[in-house]
Amino acid sequence: MSTDVTARHRESPHPLDAFVNDPTGRPPLGDERLFSEIMAGIVADTAPRVFAVVQEYGDRVDGRVAAWGLALDDRAVVVPVDRRGFTTAPTAGHVLRQYRFGTHIRPRIVWYDPANATPEVDDESGSPLTGD
């Protein structure tokens, strides 16, 4: 039975094919290695910037990460850390109003920089882990 379904599927086009140009007869953009490099470049060029919405308590008395966000070319998507759902806004800064709480808690955007991450330390030697 599955053979009949597969054969029928090949004979009739998928309904979504009407929305995509048919690539039949077009040459590939190089071999697998070159195509992978091209795709990796596109991913790197279009990657969103990662940021956190930090809530600052008092005048730098304490703080916490309240949400994580992705800044895309045309909008920001923000996911709170302590509840479900997400928010979209025109920019990262537009979501700050949602994270203000009274007069003692102010939100701010902190852009993620992996160089600021605390290195993992080996429990026995106290030395940074290298991943080797």
C-alpha atoms as a PDB file:
ATOM      1  CA  MET A   1       0.000   0.000   0.000  1.00  0.00           C
ATOM      2  CA  SER A   2       2.785   2.470   0.822  1.00  0.00           C
ATOM      3  CA  THR A   3       4.235   1.884  -2.674  1.00  0.00           C
ATOM      4  CA  ASP A   4       0.938   3.001  -4.233  1.00  0.00           C
ATOM      5  CA  VAL A   5       0.869   6.132  -2.054  1.00  0.00           C
ATOM      6  CA  THR A   6       4.469   6.985  -2.979  1.00  0.00           C
ATOM      7  CA  ALA A   7       3.800   6.503  -6.692  1.00  0.00           C
ATOM      8  CA  ARG A   8       0.630   8.631  -6.537  1.00  0.00           C
ATOM      9  CA  HIS A   9       2.498  11.351  -4.652  1.00  0.00           C
ATOM     10  CA  ARG A  10       5.166  11.514  -7.383  1.00  0.00           C
ATOM     11  CA  GLU A  11       2.534  11.794 -10.116  1.00  0.00           C
ATOM     12  CA  SER A  12       0.596  14.712  -8.617  1.00  0.00           C
ATOM     13  CA  PRO A  13       2.340  17.924  -7.589  1.00  0.00           C
ATOM     14  CA  HIS A  14       2.251  19.099  -4.040  1.00  0.00           C
ATOM     15  CA  PRO A  15      -0.244  21.977  -3.571  1.00  0.00           C
ATOM     16  CA  LEU A  16       2.487  24.249  -2.230  1.00  0.00           C
ATOM     17  CA  ASP A  17       4.566  23.796  -5.393  1.00  0.00           C
ATOM     18  CA  ALA A  18       2.350  26.452  -6.995  1.00  0.00           C
ATOM     19  CA  PHE A  19       4.096  29.053  -4.813  1.00  0.00           C
ATOM     20  CA  VAL A  20       7.704  28.031  -5.565  1.00  0.00           C
ATOM     21  CA  ASN A  21       9.637  28.246  -8.835  1.00  0.00           C
ATOM     22  CA  ASP A  22      10.436  24.802 -10.220  1.00  0.00           C
ATOM     23  CA  PRO A  23      14.195  24.169  -9.857  1.00  0.00           C
ATOM     24  CA  THR A  24      14.191  21.313 -12.402  1.00  0.00           C
ATOM     25  CA  GLY A  25      17.005  21.742 -14.902  1.00  0.00           C
ATOM     26  CA  ARG A  26      18.810  24.462 -12.926  1.00  0.00           C
ATOM     27  CA  PRO A  27      22.433  23.648 -12.049  1.00  0.00           C
ATOM     28  CA  PRO A  28      23.488  23.395  -8.386  1.00  0.00           C
ATOM     29  CA  LEU A  29      25.508  26.232  -6.837  1.00  0.00           C
ATOM     30  CA  GLY A  30      28.666  24.139  -6.676  1.00  0.00           C
ATOM     31  CA  ASP A  31      29.492  20.930  -4.864  1.00  0.00           C
ATOM     32  CA  GLU A  32      28.365  20.114  -1.307  1.00  0.00           C
ATOM     33  CA  ARG A  33      31.379  21.855   0.287  1.00  0.00           C
ATOM     34  CA  LEU A  34      30.900  25.096  -1.665  1.00  0.00           C
ATOM     35  CA  PHE A  35      27.129  25.101  -1.108  1.00  0.00           C
ATOM     36  CA  SER A  36      27.685  24.589   2.643  1.00  0.00           C
ATOM     37  CA  GLU A  37      30.113  27.541   2.684  1.00  0.00           C
ATOM     38  CA  ILE A  38      27.602  29.730   0.830  1.00  0.00           C
ATOM     39  CA  MET A  39      24.830  28.805   3.281  1.00  0.00           C
ATOM     40  CA  ALA A  40      27.128  29.381   6.285  1.00  0.00           C
ATOM     41  CA  GLY A  41      27.900  32.864   4.944  1.00  0.00           C
ATOM     42  CA  ILE A  42      24.215  33.660   4.479  1.00  0.00           C
ATOM     43  CA  VAL A  43      23.493  32.477   8.029  1.00  0.00           C
ATOM     44  CA  ALA A  44      26.338  34.591   9.446  1.00  0.00           C
ATOM     45  CA  ASP A  45      25.235  37.672   7.477  1.00  0.00           C
ATOM     46  CA  THR A  46      21.592  37.419   8.537  1.00  0.00           C
ATOM     47  CA  ALA A  47      21.934  36.138  12.120  1.00  0.00           C
ATOM     48  CA  PRO A  48      19.845  38.043  14.652  1.00  0.00           C
ATOM     49  CA  ARG A  49      21.545  39.824  17.538  1.00  0.00           C
ATOM     50  CA  VAL A  50      20.840  38.307  20.951  1.00  0.00           C
ATOM     51  CA  PHE A  51      19.985  40.525  23.880  1.00  0.00           C
ATOM     52  CA  ALA A  52      18.610  40.276  27.383  1.00  0.00           C
ATOM     53  CA  VAL A  53      16.095  42.486  29.125  1.00  0.00           C
ATOM     54  CA  VAL A  54      17.644  43.055  32.534  1.00  0.00           C
ATOM     55  CA  GLN A  55      15.667  44.420  35.459  1.00  0.00           C
ATOM     56  CA  GLU A  56      17.822  46.631  37.691  1.00  0.00           C
ATOM     57  CA  TYR A  57      16.729  46.979  41.297  1.00  0.00           C
ATOM     58  CA  GLY A  58      17.464  50.358  42.855  1.00  0.00           C
ATOM     59  CA  ASP A  59      20.675  52.110  41.876  1.00  0.00           C
ATOM     60  CA  ARG A  60      22.630  48.992  40.835  1.00  0.00           C
ATOM     61  CA  VAL A  61      21.663  47.229  44.098  1.00  0.00           C
ATOM     62  CA  ASP A  62      20.702  44.040  42.279  1.00  0.00           C
ATOM     63  CA  GLY A  63      19.488  42.822  38.920  1.00  0.00           C
ATOM     64  CA  ARG A  64      18.169  39.862  37.021  1.00  0.00           C
ATOM     65  CA  VAL A  65      17.596  38.682  33.470  1.00  0.00           C
ATOM     66  CA  ALA A  66      13.850  38.981  32.896  1.00  0.00           C
ATOM     67  CA  ALA A  67      13.739  38.023  29.202  1.00  0.00           C
ATOM     68  CA  TRP A  68      15.819  37.027  26.205  1.00  0.00           C
ATOM     69  CA  GLY A  69      15.381  38.519  22.781  1.00  0.00           C
ATOM     70  CA  LEU A  70      16.398  38.313  19.162  1.00  0.00           C
ATOM     71  CA  ALA A  71      16.802  41.537  17.208  1.00  0.00           C
ATOM     72  CA  LEU A  72      15.927  40.835  13.579  1.00  0.00           C
ATOM     73  CA  ASP A  73      16.166  43.300  10.689  1.00  0.00           C
ATOM     74  CA  ASP A  74      12.521  44.350  10.967  1.00  0.00           C
ATOM     75  CA  ARG A  75      11.490  43.499  14.550  1.00  0.00           C
ATOM     76  CA  ALA A  76      12.508  42.096  17.909  1.00  0.00           C
ATOM     77  CA  VAL A  77      11.146  38.905  19.454  1.00  0.00           C
ATOM     78  CA  VAL A  78      11.304  38.649  23.237  1.00  0.00           C
ATOM     79  CA  VAL A  79      10.690  35.594  25.448  1.00  0.00           C
ATOM     80  CA  PRO A  80      10.282  36.104  29.209  1.00  0.00           C
ATOM     81  CA  VAL A  81      12.259  33.735  31.438  1.00  0.00           C
ATOM     82  CA  ASP A  82       9.518  33.166  34.021  1.00  0.00           C
ATOM     83  CA  ARG A  83       6.385  32.683  31.960  1.00  0.00           C
ATOM     84  CA  ARG A  84       5.172  31.347  28.640  1.00  0.00           C
ATOM     85  CA  GLY A  85       4.601  33.305  25.499  1.00  0.00           C
ATOM     86  CA  PHE A  86       6.579  35.888  23.612  1.00  0.00           C
ATOM     87  CA  THR A  87       6.334  39.484  22.472  1.00  0.00           C
ATOM     88  CA  THR A  88       7.209  41.106  19.188  1.00  0.00           C
ATOM     89  CA  ALA A  89       8.050  44.787  18.869  1.00  0.00           C
ATOM     90  CA  PRO A  90       9.525  47.112  16.254  1.00  0.00           C
ATOM     91  CA  THR A  91      12.846  47.257  18.170  1.00  0.00           C
ATOM     92  CA  ALA A  92      14.397  45.817  21.319  1.00  0.00           C
ATOM     93  CA  GLY A  93      13.886  49.087  23.160  1.00  0.00           C
ATOM     94  CA  HIS A  94      10.138  49.027  22.557  1.00  0.00           C
ATOM     95  CA  VAL A  95       9.665  46.118  25.002  1.00  0.00           C
ATOM     96  CA  LEU A  96      11.230  47.873  27.992  1.00  0.00           C
ATOM     97  CA  ARG A  97       7.950  49.402  29.163  1.00  0.00           C
ATOM     98  CA  GLN A  98       6.604  45.885  29.828  1.00  0.00           C
ATOM     99  CA  TYR A  99       9.471  45.149  32.237  1.00  0.00           C
ATOM    100  CA  ARG A 100       9.303  48.310  34.350  1.00  0.00           C
ATOM    101  CA  PHE A 101       7.896  47.618  37.826  1.00  0.00           C
ATOM    102  CA  GLY A 102       7.082  50.593  40.017  1.00  0.00           C
ATOM    103  CA  THR A 103       9.795  53.134  40.757  1.00  0.00           C
ATOM    104  CA  HIS A 104      12.424  50.719  42.087  1.00  0.00           C
ATOM    105  CA  ILE A 105      12.815  48.339  39.144  1.00  0.00           C
ATOM    106  CA  ARG A 106      14.049  49.686  35.810  1.00  0.00           C
ATOM    107  CA  PRO A 107      14.611  47.603  32.698  1.00  0.00           C
ATOM    108  CA  ARG A 108      17.522  47.914  30.323  1.00  0.00           C
ATOM    109  CA  ILE A 109      18.740  46.123  27.201  1.00  0.00           C
ATOM    110  CA  VAL A 110      22.057  44.269  27.486  1.00  0.00           C
ATOM    111  CA  TRP A 111      23.450  42.920  24.216  1.00  0.00           C
ATOM    112  CA  TYR A 112      24.886  39.415  24.467  1.00  0.00           C
ATOM    113  CA  ASP A 113      28.665  39.189  24.073  1.00  0.00           C
ATOM    114  CA  PRO A 114      30.113  35.673  24.433  1.00  0.00           C
ATOM    115  CA  ALA A 115      33.456  37.179  25.507  1.00  0.00           C
ATOM    116  CA  ASN A 116      31.776  38.224  28.777  1.00  0.00           C
ATOM    117  CA  ALA A 117      30.758  34.680  29.723  1.00  0.00           C
ATOM    118  CA  THR A 118      32.272  33.264  32.903  1.00  0.00           C
ATOM    119  CA  PRO A 119      34.647  30.453  31.901  1.00  0.00           C
ATOM    120  CA  GLU A 120      33.779  26.986  33.128  1.00  0.00           C
ATOM    121  CA  VAL A 121      36.207  25.799  35.800  1.00  0.00           C
ATOM    122  CA  ASP A 122      37.395  22.273  36.532  1.00  0.00           C
ATOM    123  CA  ASP A 123      36.144  21.417  40.041  1.00  0.00           C
ATOM    124  CA  GLU A 124      39.341  19.518  40.918  1.00  0.00           C
ATOM    125  CA  SER A 125      42.081  21.793  39.640  1.00  0.00           C
ATOM    126  CA  GLY A 126      40.288  25.144  39.587  1.00  0.00           C
ATOM    127  CA  SER A 127      41.617  25.680  36.061  1.00  0.00           C
ATOM    128  CA  PRO A 128      39.438  26.875  33.172  1.00  0.00           C
ATOM    129  CA  LEU A 129      38.062  24.065  31.015  1.00  0.00           C
ATOM    130  CA  THR A 130      39.329  24.148  27.440  1.00  0.00           C
ATOM    131  CA  GLY A 131      36.973  21.643  25.830  1.00  0.00           C
ATOM    132  CA  ASP A 132      39.869  19.444  24.627  1.00  0.00           C
END
